[in-house]
């Protein structure tokens, strides 16, 4: 056997297993993907007020928040001071003071939760430095949205509540009206909650304010004040990806008429039996596999022929 003939035969024999190895790349099947995350938020105090001076020459909005967070986050601050032109002689005044004022919002793949807590708190309005709009002992709100469960919203008002210096008895789920002559009127909504199939929201106290404290250089204060609010939105449930063979989970239809049994899928996803796929979804084989295998067989045949020719020449 000359060297060229030997090399041709050896190359053909070596190429065949290499071609077979390349023909079958592996593909993962039955994987799980997350289609979307949830949401959560919490806030201790929110004001949306319009402040007008007696002269009506100044109309200043008072829109402030304390410890407003969106998941994932937390905040803890017990005082809020703001400055409004023409009010309190240009000096900052305290909108809220509390012993405890916290807000937390958390989200993961399965759960979203918002929580706010306020204890021993006093809310003030411009022009009323000595008289609190509202005093509360403790209020909390919580909203929980978990995959596979109904969203839950709850709020609590614990202890006494005073509005414009008057202690009031709140009606659960209703509206309480407080009217103070010469000062103004406040309407309170207690423990408002709302849920849908994927969301929840809770507010411990919402105040509709209409105050006109005469002789205090403030003509009118109107708007809303919210205490202890929490919201959430349920994360979207993970969904299985389609198998590599493109099957959507159909079945083969049981008995094939020859006494055989149903063919079960090899993906291990736990779904209903999928249609038989000749491309071997588990191993990742594709429609090009027969051609590559045929090429490998041809190379083997050529190698074997070269070996026979070489032996005959050697015998001659």
Foldseek 3Di string as FASTA:
>chain_A
DDPVLVVLLVVLLVVLVVLLVVQFAFDAFFDWDFDWWKKKKKFFKWWFKWWAFPVRPDIDTDTDTHFIDIPQDKDWDFWDWDFDPQFPPRDIATQKGFPTWMWHWYIDQFKTKIKIKTAQMFGPDTLCRPWTQKTAGIKMWMWMFGPPDFIDIWMDGDDWMAGRRRTDDDDAQDKDKDADPLWFIKIKGAWDWDGDRFKIKTFGIKIFTWTANPPSRIGTMTGMMTGIMMMMGGGDHMDIDAQPLRWPQDFPPADPPPPDGGDADPNPNPGHRTDDHPQNSRRRRDPCSVVSNVVSVVSNVVSVVSVVVVVVVVVD
